[in-house]
N, C-alpha and C. Protein backbone atom coordinates (compact mmCIF):
# COMPACT_ATOMS: atom_id res chain seq x y z
N UNK A 1 117.14 154.18 23.47
CA UNK A 1 118.29 153.87 24.29
C UNK A 1 117.84 153.05 25.50
N UNK A 2 118.59 152.04 25.82
CA UNK A 2 118.28 151.17 26.94
C UNK A 2 118.64 151.84 28.26
N UNK A 3 117.71 151.81 29.21
CA UNK A 3 117.96 152.34 30.54
C UNK A 3 118.42 151.21 31.43
N UNK A 4 119.56 151.38 32.06
CA UNK A 4 120.10 150.38 32.97
C UNK A 4 119.71 150.75 34.40
N UNK A 5 119.36 149.77 35.18
CA UNK A 5 119.00 149.99 36.58
C UNK A 5 119.96 149.18 37.43
N UNK A 6 120.65 149.88 38.29
CA UNK A 6 121.61 149.21 39.17
C UNK A 6 120.89 148.68 40.41
N UNK A 7 121.08 147.44 40.71
CA UNK A 7 120.46 146.83 41.88
C UNK A 7 121.25 147.06 43.14
N UNK A 8 120.83 146.42 44.19
CA UNK A 8 121.52 146.54 45.47
C UNK A 8 122.77 145.68 45.46
N UNK A 9 123.80 146.16 46.14
CA UNK A 9 125.08 145.47 46.22
C UNK A 9 125.22 144.80 47.58
N UNK A 10 125.94 143.66 47.64
CA UNK A 10 126.21 143.03 48.93
C UNK A 10 126.90 144.02 49.87
N UNK A 11 126.33 144.18 51.05
CA UNK A 11 126.90 145.07 52.04
C UNK A 11 126.73 146.55 51.75
N UNK A 12 125.98 146.90 50.72
CA UNK A 12 125.81 148.31 50.35
C UNK A 12 125.12 149.13 51.41
N UNK A 13 124.44 148.50 52.32
CA UNK A 13 123.73 149.17 53.41
C UNK A 13 124.65 149.54 54.57
N UNK A 14 125.82 148.93 54.63
CA UNK A 14 126.71 149.06 55.78
C UNK A 14 127.48 150.37 55.75
N UNK A 15 127.40 151.12 56.82
CA UNK A 15 128.16 152.36 56.96
C UNK A 15 129.47 152.07 57.69
N UNK A 16 129.39 151.27 58.76
CA UNK A 16 130.59 150.96 59.57
C UNK A 16 130.31 149.72 60.39
N UNK A 17 131.36 148.93 60.60
CA UNK A 17 131.30 147.81 61.54
C UNK A 17 132.66 147.66 62.19
N UNK A 18 132.67 147.18 63.42
CA UNK A 18 133.91 147.06 64.17
C UNK A 18 134.82 145.99 63.57
N UNK A 19 134.37 144.76 63.57
CA UNK A 19 135.16 143.64 63.06
C UNK A 19 134.23 142.72 62.30
N UNK A 20 134.47 142.55 61.01
CA UNK A 20 133.54 141.75 60.20
C UNK A 20 133.44 140.31 60.67
N UNK A 21 134.51 139.77 61.23
CA UNK A 21 134.46 138.39 61.71
C UNK A 21 133.61 138.26 62.97
N UNK A 22 133.33 139.38 63.62
CA UNK A 22 132.49 139.36 64.81
C UNK A 22 131.04 139.69 64.49
N UNK A 23 130.82 140.67 63.62
CA UNK A 23 129.45 141.15 63.37
C UNK A 23 128.68 140.26 62.39
N UNK A 24 129.37 139.53 61.53
CA UNK A 24 128.70 138.72 60.51
C UNK A 24 128.77 137.23 60.83
N UNK A 25 127.73 136.52 60.39
CA UNK A 25 127.71 135.06 60.53
C UNK A 25 127.08 134.44 59.30
N UNK A 26 127.42 133.19 59.06
CA UNK A 26 126.72 132.42 58.04
C UNK A 26 125.46 131.88 58.69
N UNK A 27 124.33 132.13 58.04
CA UNK A 27 123.04 131.72 58.58
C UNK A 27 122.31 130.85 57.55
N UNK A 28 121.20 130.28 57.94
CA UNK A 28 120.33 129.56 57.01
C UNK A 28 119.08 130.39 56.82
N UNK A 29 118.78 130.70 55.57
CA UNK A 29 117.59 131.48 55.25
C UNK A 29 116.53 130.54 54.71
N UNK A 30 115.32 130.66 55.24
CA UNK A 30 114.20 129.85 54.78
C UNK A 30 113.82 130.25 53.36
N UNK A 31 113.00 129.47 52.71
CA UNK A 31 112.64 129.65 51.30
C UNK A 31 112.23 131.07 50.97
N UNK A 32 112.66 131.53 49.79
CA UNK A 32 112.34 132.87 49.29
C UNK A 32 113.55 133.48 48.64
N UNK A 33 113.35 134.58 47.92
CA UNK A 33 114.45 135.32 47.31
C UNK A 33 114.52 136.67 47.99
N UNK A 34 115.66 136.97 48.60
CA UNK A 34 115.82 138.21 49.36
C UNK A 34 116.99 139.03 48.82
N UNK A 35 116.84 140.33 48.84
CA UNK A 35 117.86 141.26 48.37
C UNK A 35 118.83 141.63 49.49
N UNK A 36 120.05 142.08 49.13
CA UNK A 36 120.97 142.56 50.16
C UNK A 36 120.32 143.70 50.95
N UNK A 37 120.52 143.70 52.24
CA UNK A 37 119.95 144.75 53.08
C UNK A 37 118.58 144.41 53.63
N UNK A 38 118.08 143.20 53.34
CA UNK A 38 116.78 142.80 53.86
C UNK A 38 116.87 142.61 55.37
N UNK A 39 115.94 143.21 56.08
CA UNK A 39 115.86 143.05 57.53
C UNK A 39 115.27 141.66 57.81
N UNK A 40 115.93 140.92 58.68
CA UNK A 40 115.56 139.53 58.95
C UNK A 40 115.05 139.33 60.37
N UNK A 41 114.19 138.35 60.52
CA UNK A 41 113.77 137.86 61.81
C UNK A 41 114.19 136.40 61.90
N UNK A 42 114.22 135.85 63.10
CA UNK A 42 114.66 134.47 63.29
C UNK A 42 113.46 133.61 63.69
N UNK A 43 113.23 132.55 62.92
CA UNK A 43 112.12 131.65 63.19
C UNK A 43 112.45 130.85 64.45
N UNK A 44 111.63 131.00 65.47
CA UNK A 44 111.91 130.40 66.77
C UNK A 44 112.02 128.87 66.70
N UNK A 45 111.10 128.23 66.00
CA UNK A 45 111.06 126.76 65.97
C UNK A 45 112.26 126.13 65.28
N UNK A 46 112.77 126.78 64.22
CA UNK A 46 113.83 126.15 63.43
C UNK A 46 115.19 126.81 63.57
N UNK A 47 115.23 128.06 64.04
CA UNK A 47 116.49 128.78 64.12
C UNK A 47 116.92 129.36 62.79
N UNK A 48 116.10 129.20 61.75
CA UNK A 48 116.40 129.76 60.43
C UNK A 48 115.92 131.20 60.38
N UNK A 49 116.42 131.93 59.40
CA UNK A 49 116.06 133.32 59.25
C UNK A 49 115.12 133.52 58.06
N UNK A 50 114.27 134.53 58.14
CA UNK A 50 113.35 134.88 57.06
C UNK A 50 113.14 136.40 57.12
N UNK A 51 112.54 136.93 56.09
CA UNK A 51 112.26 138.36 56.07
C UNK A 51 111.44 138.75 57.28
N UNK A 52 111.81 139.86 57.90
CA UNK A 52 111.11 140.39 59.07
C UNK A 52 109.64 140.65 58.70
N UNK A 53 108.73 140.17 59.54
CA UNK A 53 107.30 140.35 59.32
C UNK A 53 106.64 140.74 60.63
N UNK A 54 106.30 142.03 60.80
CA UNK A 54 105.74 142.49 62.06
C UNK A 54 104.44 141.79 62.47
N UNK A 55 103.72 141.22 61.50
CA UNK A 55 102.44 140.56 61.80
C UNK A 55 102.61 139.09 62.14
N UNK A 56 103.79 138.56 62.04
CA UNK A 56 104.02 137.13 62.28
C UNK A 56 104.00 136.81 63.77
N UNK A 57 103.93 135.53 64.08
CA UNK A 57 104.00 135.05 65.46
C UNK A 57 104.97 133.89 65.58
N UNK A 58 105.89 133.78 64.61
CA UNK A 58 106.85 132.67 64.59
C UNK A 58 108.26 133.08 64.96
N UNK A 59 108.44 134.32 65.40
CA UNK A 59 109.76 134.83 65.75
C UNK A 59 110.24 135.88 64.77
N UNK A 60 109.75 135.87 63.53
CA UNK A 60 110.19 136.85 62.54
C UNK A 60 109.57 138.22 62.77
N UNK A 61 108.69 138.34 63.76
CA UNK A 61 108.13 139.66 64.09
C UNK A 61 109.15 140.57 64.75
N UNK A 62 110.27 140.02 65.19
CA UNK A 62 111.34 140.79 65.80
C UNK A 62 112.53 140.84 64.85
N UNK A 63 112.95 142.05 64.50
CA UNK A 63 114.11 142.22 63.61
C UNK A 63 115.37 141.89 64.40
N UNK A 64 116.21 140.99 63.83
CA UNK A 64 117.41 140.58 64.54
C UNK A 64 118.69 140.64 63.71
N UNK A 65 118.56 140.84 62.39
CA UNK A 65 119.75 140.80 61.53
C UNK A 65 119.46 141.51 60.21
N UNK A 66 120.53 141.74 59.44
CA UNK A 66 120.40 142.33 58.10
C UNK A 66 121.18 141.44 57.13
N UNK A 67 120.53 141.04 56.05
CA UNK A 67 121.13 140.16 55.06
C UNK A 67 122.25 140.87 54.31
N UNK A 68 123.41 140.23 54.21
CA UNK A 68 124.58 140.82 53.57
C UNK A 68 124.46 140.85 52.04
N UNK A 69 124.20 139.72 51.45
CA UNK A 69 124.12 139.62 49.99
C UNK A 69 122.81 138.99 49.56
N UNK A 70 122.59 138.92 48.27
CA UNK A 70 121.34 138.33 47.77
C UNK A 70 121.26 136.87 48.17
N UNK A 71 120.08 136.45 48.56
CA UNK A 71 119.85 135.06 48.95
C UNK A 71 118.72 134.51 48.10
N UNK A 72 119.00 133.48 47.32
CA UNK A 72 117.98 132.87 46.47
C UNK A 72 117.70 131.48 46.97
N UNK A 73 116.68 131.36 47.75
CA UNK A 73 116.28 130.08 48.30
C UNK A 73 114.97 129.64 47.66
N UNK A 74 114.85 129.85 46.37
CA UNK A 74 113.60 129.51 45.68
C UNK A 74 113.32 128.02 45.69
N UNK A 75 114.33 127.21 45.92
CA UNK A 75 114.13 125.77 45.96
C UNK A 75 114.22 125.20 47.37
N UNK A 76 114.34 126.06 48.36
CA UNK A 76 114.42 125.60 49.74
C UNK A 76 115.44 126.39 50.52
N UNK A 77 115.80 125.92 51.69
CA UNK A 77 116.75 126.60 52.56
C UNK A 77 118.13 126.68 51.93
N UNK A 78 118.85 127.77 52.25
CA UNK A 78 120.21 127.92 51.72
C UNK A 78 121.03 128.77 52.68
N UNK A 79 122.35 128.60 52.66
CA UNK A 79 123.20 129.44 53.52
C UNK A 79 123.32 130.86 52.96
N UNK A 80 123.51 131.80 53.85
CA UNK A 80 123.71 133.20 53.47
C UNK A 80 124.52 133.86 54.58
N UNK A 81 124.96 135.08 54.34
CA UNK A 81 125.70 135.83 55.35
C UNK A 81 124.84 137.01 55.79
N UNK A 82 124.86 137.30 57.08
CA UNK A 82 124.08 138.40 57.62
C UNK A 82 124.87 139.11 58.72
N UNK A 83 124.59 140.38 58.89
CA UNK A 83 125.10 141.13 60.05
C UNK A 83 124.13 140.81 61.18
N UNK A 84 124.62 140.11 62.20
CA UNK A 84 123.74 139.64 63.27
C UNK A 84 123.99 140.32 64.61
N UNK A 85 125.08 141.09 64.69
CA UNK A 85 125.37 141.80 65.95
C UNK A 85 126.26 142.98 65.64
N UNK A 86 126.31 143.89 66.57
CA UNK A 86 127.16 145.06 66.41
C UNK A 86 128.39 144.92 67.26
N UNK A 87 129.19 145.93 67.28
CA UNK A 87 128.82 147.27 66.84
C UNK A 87 128.87 147.42 65.33
N UNK A 88 127.77 147.96 64.79
CA UNK A 88 127.67 148.23 63.36
C UNK A 88 126.68 149.37 63.15
N UNK A 89 126.90 150.12 62.08
CA UNK A 89 125.99 151.19 61.69
C UNK A 89 125.53 150.91 60.27
N UNK A 90 124.21 150.98 60.03
CA UNK A 90 123.65 150.73 58.70
C UNK A 90 122.85 151.95 58.25
N UNK A 91 122.76 152.11 56.93
CA UNK A 91 122.02 153.22 56.33
C UNK A 91 120.55 152.83 56.21
N UNK A 92 119.67 153.57 56.87
CA UNK A 92 118.25 153.23 56.87
C UNK A 92 117.63 153.26 55.48
N UNK A 93 118.18 154.06 54.59
CA UNK A 93 117.64 154.18 53.24
C UNK A 93 117.98 152.96 52.38
N UNK A 94 118.94 152.17 52.82
CA UNK A 94 119.35 150.98 52.06
C UNK A 94 118.79 149.69 52.62
N UNK A 95 118.02 149.78 53.71
CA UNK A 95 117.41 148.58 54.27
C UNK A 95 116.17 148.21 53.47
N UNK A 96 115.93 146.91 53.36
CA UNK A 96 114.78 146.41 52.60
C UNK A 96 113.84 145.72 53.58
N UNK A 97 112.58 146.12 53.52
CA UNK A 97 111.54 145.50 54.35
C UNK A 97 110.57 144.76 53.45
N UNK A 98 110.18 143.57 53.87
CA UNK A 98 109.18 142.80 53.11
C UNK A 98 107.82 143.45 53.29
N UNK A 99 107.02 143.42 52.24
CA UNK A 99 105.68 143.99 52.31
C UNK A 99 105.72 145.50 52.41
N UNK A 100 104.72 146.06 53.07
CA UNK A 100 104.64 147.51 53.23
C UNK A 100 104.40 147.84 54.71
N UNK A 101 105.44 147.75 55.52
CA UNK A 101 105.28 148.04 56.95
C UNK A 101 105.00 149.52 57.17
N UNK A 102 104.31 149.82 58.26
CA UNK A 102 104.02 151.21 58.62
C UNK A 102 105.28 151.85 59.21
N UNK A 103 105.23 153.16 59.33
CA UNK A 103 106.37 153.88 59.93
C UNK A 103 106.63 153.39 61.36
N UNK A 104 105.58 153.10 62.10
CA UNK A 104 105.73 152.58 63.46
C UNK A 104 106.40 151.22 63.50
N UNK A 105 106.04 150.36 62.55
CA UNK A 105 106.65 149.03 62.47
C UNK A 105 108.12 149.12 62.07
N UNK A 106 108.43 150.05 61.19
CA UNK A 106 109.83 150.26 60.79
C UNK A 106 110.63 150.79 61.98
N UNK A 107 110.06 151.74 62.72
CA UNK A 107 110.74 152.28 63.90
C UNK A 107 110.97 151.19 64.94
N UNK A 108 110.00 150.29 65.11
CA UNK A 108 110.15 149.18 66.06
C UNK A 108 111.25 148.23 65.60
N UNK A 109 111.34 148.00 64.30
CA UNK A 109 112.41 147.15 63.76
C UNK A 109 113.77 147.80 64.00
N UNK A 110 113.87 149.11 63.81
CA UNK A 110 115.13 149.81 64.07
C UNK A 110 115.53 149.67 65.53
N UNK A 111 114.55 149.78 66.43
CA UNK A 111 114.82 149.63 67.86
C UNK A 111 115.28 148.21 68.18
N UNK A 112 114.64 147.23 67.55
CA UNK A 112 115.04 145.83 67.77
C UNK A 112 116.46 145.56 67.27
N UNK A 113 116.81 146.15 66.14
CA UNK A 113 118.18 146.00 65.61
C UNK A 113 119.19 146.64 66.57
N UNK A 114 118.80 147.77 67.15
CA UNK A 114 119.70 148.44 68.11
C UNK A 114 119.97 147.54 69.31
N UNK A 115 118.98 146.76 69.71
CA UNK A 115 119.19 145.81 70.82
C UNK A 115 120.27 144.79 70.48
N UNK A 116 120.46 144.53 69.18
CA UNK A 116 121.52 143.61 68.73
C UNK A 116 122.83 144.35 68.47
N UNK A 117 122.85 145.66 68.71
CA UNK A 117 124.06 146.46 68.48
C UNK A 117 124.18 147.02 67.08
N UNK A 118 123.09 146.91 66.30
CA UNK A 118 123.10 147.43 64.92
C UNK A 118 122.34 148.75 64.92
N UNK A 119 123.08 149.83 64.78
CA UNK A 119 122.49 151.18 64.82
C UNK A 119 122.06 151.59 63.42
N UNK A 120 120.80 152.01 63.31
CA UNK A 120 120.26 152.44 62.01
C UNK A 120 120.30 153.96 61.96
N UNK A 121 120.97 154.48 60.95
CA UNK A 121 121.08 155.95 60.76
C UNK A 121 120.47 156.35 59.48
């Protein structure tokens, strides 16, 4: 019998938001394929978004947004939607982090998201 695996859904991480037209924006994501709920950082030089990377020094070391739906930029930059400000509450178990960040790095990302009004529960 075939086992089916359900993937992540657009916005599946979201518990609550005040006004979707206020909390979400269309952004440009740099090259890569990202799943819904991916924690994003903003590249300082270009203003584009990429997966949050605590070891980076290009701006993505600070978590600033959460990707709404799947973004496939395998051929280059592409538009996507992200929760970029609150008030919003997200489920910490549904957030996606690139690589294998430590618990301290994840906690720092949660704190950085809170600075944008995105509360991680």
